[in-house]
Amino acid sequence: MMKQLILVLGLCLLAAACVCGCTGGTAETTVAVPEPPLPGGNITIINGGDSEMVLDWDAITAMPAFEGYGYGVSTVGIKYGPL
């Protein structure tokens, strides 16, 4: 009797798991995510006190992108900073 009860409960759990995975909606929903506002202001770069350059948002985004490692290396070869 106990084995039959365990078997029935196991089959019920298996059926419930199958039904839960198959009852989702098929309609695709899209959520409009608002874009964050662009940062305001300018960046001023001073080159050793000799020259000054002011960059606005358009000038910064027009610059070429570079990829590289984000860490520094000490004189003995130890990496520090974000890896």
C-alpha atoms as a PDB file:
ATOM      1  CA  MET A   1       0.000   0.000   0.000  1.00  0.00           C
ATOM      2  CA  MET A   2       2.802   2.428   0.911  1.00  0.00           C
ATOM      3  CA  LYS A   3       4.687   1.724  -2.333  1.00  0.00           C
ATOM      4  CA  GLN A   4       1.564   2.502  -4.355  1.00  0.00           C
ATOM      5  CA  LEU A   5       1.068   5.785  -2.501  1.00  0.00           C
ATOM      6  CA  ILE A   6       4.677   6.823  -3.152  1.00  0.00           C
ATOM      7  CA  LEU A   7       4.313   5.843  -6.814  1.00  0.00           C
ATOM      8  CA  VAL A   8       1.098   7.863  -7.188  1.00  0.00           C
ATOM      9  CA  LEU A   9       2.629  10.902  -5.454  1.00  0.00           C
ATOM     10  CA  GLY A  10       5.714  10.662  -7.657  1.00  0.00           C
ATOM     11  CA  LEU A  11       3.604  10.519 -10.806  1.00  0.00           C
ATOM     12  CA  CYS A  12       1.541  13.501  -9.598  1.00  0.00           C
ATOM     13  CA  LEU A  13       4.713  15.512  -9.006  1.00  0.00           C
ATOM     14  CA  LEU A  14       6.058  14.554 -12.434  1.00  0.00           C
ATOM     15  CA  ALA A  15       2.785  15.521 -14.098  1.00  0.00           C
ATOM     16  CA  ALA A  16       2.721  18.836 -12.214  1.00  0.00           C
ATOM     17  CA  ALA A  17       6.278  19.606 -13.316  1.00  0.00           C
ATOM     18  CA  CYS A  18       5.415  18.883 -16.953  1.00  0.00           C
ATOM     19  CA  VAL A  19       2.254  20.990 -16.830  1.00  0.00           C
ATOM     20  CA  CYS A  20       4.050  23.943 -15.218  1.00  0.00           C
ATOM     21  CA  GLY A  21       6.614  24.002 -17.995  1.00  0.00           C
ATOM     22  CA  CYS A  22       4.049  23.826 -20.789  1.00  0.00           C
ATOM     23  CA  THR A  23       1.446  26.342 -19.701  1.00  0.00           C
ATOM     24  CA  GLY A  24       3.344  29.549 -20.495  1.00  0.00           C
ATOM     25  CA  GLY A  25       1.907  32.156 -22.829  1.00  0.00           C
ATOM     26  CA  THR A  26       3.117  32.271 -26.405  1.00  0.00           C
ATOM     27  CA  ALA A  27       2.594  35.976 -27.033  1.00  0.00           C
ATOM     28  CA  GLU A  28       5.769  38.001 -27.140  1.00  0.00           C
ATOM     29  CA  THR A  29       5.752  41.011 -24.919  1.00  0.00           C
ATOM     30  CA  THR A  30       8.051  43.971 -25.327  1.00  0.00           C
ATOM     31  CA  VAL A  31       8.710  46.428 -22.594  1.00  0.00           C
ATOM     32  CA  ALA A  32       9.729  49.941 -23.547  1.00  0.00           C
ATOM     33  CA  VAL A  33      12.841  50.847 -21.587  1.00  0.00           C
ATOM     34  CA  PRO A  34      13.464  54.579 -21.506  1.00  0.00           C
ATOM     35  CA  GLU A  35      16.976  55.642 -22.419  1.00  0.00           C
ATOM     36  CA  PRO A  36      18.870  57.413 -19.684  1.00  0.00           C
ATOM     37  CA  PRO A  37      19.458  61.111 -20.241  1.00  0.00           C
ATOM     38  CA  LEU A  38      22.775  62.132 -21.694  1.00  0.00           C
ATOM     39  CA  PRO A  39      25.239  63.514 -19.196  1.00  0.00           C
ATOM     40  CA  GLY A  40      25.457  67.267 -19.134  1.00  0.00           C
ATOM     41  CA  GLY A  41      28.453  69.523 -18.862  1.00  0.00           C
ATOM     42  CA  ASN A  42      31.884  69.533 -20.375  1.00  0.00           C
ATOM     43  CA  ILE A  43      35.244  68.015 -19.524  1.00  0.00           C
ATOM     44  CA  THR A  44      38.245  70.316 -19.305  1.00  0.00           C
ATOM     45  CA  ILE A  45      41.671  68.768 -19.909  1.00  0.00           C
ATOM     46  CA  ILE A  46      44.701  70.760 -18.800  1.00  0.00           C
ATOM     47  CA  ASN A  47      47.982  69.621 -20.310  1.00  0.00           C
ATOM     48  CA  GLY A  48      50.711  70.428 -17.789  1.00  0.00           C
ATOM     49  CA  GLY A  49      49.460  73.986 -17.379  1.00  0.00           C
ATOM     50  CA  ASP A  50      50.475  74.877 -20.944  1.00  0.00           C
ATOM     51  CA  SER A  51      47.254  74.237 -22.819  1.00  0.00           C
ATOM     52  CA  GLU A  52      43.622  73.659 -22.031  1.00  0.00           C
ATOM     53  CA  MET A  53      41.043  71.714 -24.066  1.00  0.00           C
ATOM     54  CA  VAL A  54      37.295  71.644 -23.376  1.00  0.00           C
ATOM     55  CA  LEU A  55      35.396  68.602 -24.662  1.00  0.00           C
ATOM     56  CA  ASP A  56      31.619  68.377 -24.901  1.00  0.00           C
ATOM     57  CA  TRP A  57      29.585  65.172 -25.225  1.00  0.00           C
ATOM     58  CA  ASP A  58      29.685  65.165 -29.048  1.00  0.00           C
ATOM     59  CA  ALA A  59      33.482  65.548 -29.082  1.00  0.00           C
ATOM     60  CA  ILE A  60      33.899  62.688 -26.609  1.00  0.00           C
ATOM     61  CA  THR A  61      31.633  60.281 -28.521  1.00  0.00           C
ATOM     62  CA  ALA A  62      33.388  61.179 -31.798  1.00  0.00           C
ATOM     63  CA  MET A  63      36.714  59.899 -30.432  1.00  0.00           C
ATOM     64  CA  PRO A  64      37.891  56.456 -31.585  1.00  0.00           C
ATOM     65  CA  ALA A  65      37.403  53.554 -29.193  1.00  0.00           C
ATOM     66  CA  PHE A  66      40.382  51.605 -27.861  1.00  0.00           C
ATOM     67  CA  GLU A  67      40.558  48.234 -26.143  1.00  0.00           C
ATOM     68  CA  GLY A  68      43.258  47.076 -23.806  1.00  0.00           C
ATOM     69  CA  TYR A  69      44.106  45.738 -20.399  1.00  0.00           C
ATOM     70  CA  GLY A  70      42.679  47.574 -17.394  1.00  0.00           C
ATOM     71  CA  TYR A  71      45.553  47.107 -14.982  1.00  0.00           C
ATOM     72  CA  GLY A  72      48.995  48.438 -14.192  1.00  0.00           C
ATOM     73  CA  VAL A  73      52.192  46.447 -13.789  1.00  0.00           C
ATOM     74  CA  SER A  74      54.793  47.120 -11.124  1.00  0.00           C
ATOM     75  CA  THR A  75      58.539  47.035 -11.805  1.00  0.00           C
ATOM     76  CA  VAL A  76      58.678  43.389 -10.690  1.00  0.00           C
ATOM     77  CA  GLY A  77      55.746  42.322 -12.849  1.00  0.00           C
ATOM     78  CA  ILE A  78      52.914  42.288 -10.321  1.00  0.00           C
ATOM     79  CA  LYS A  79      49.565  43.282 -11.822  1.00  0.00           C
ATOM     80  CA  TYR A  80      47.454  45.706  -9.810  1.00  0.00           C
ATOM     81  CA  GLY A  81      44.158  47.388 -10.465  1.00  0.00           C
ATOM     82  CA  PRO A  82      41.046  45.938 -12.110  1.00  0.00           C
ATOM     83  CA  LEU A  83      41.693  42.726 -14.003  1.00  0.00           C
END
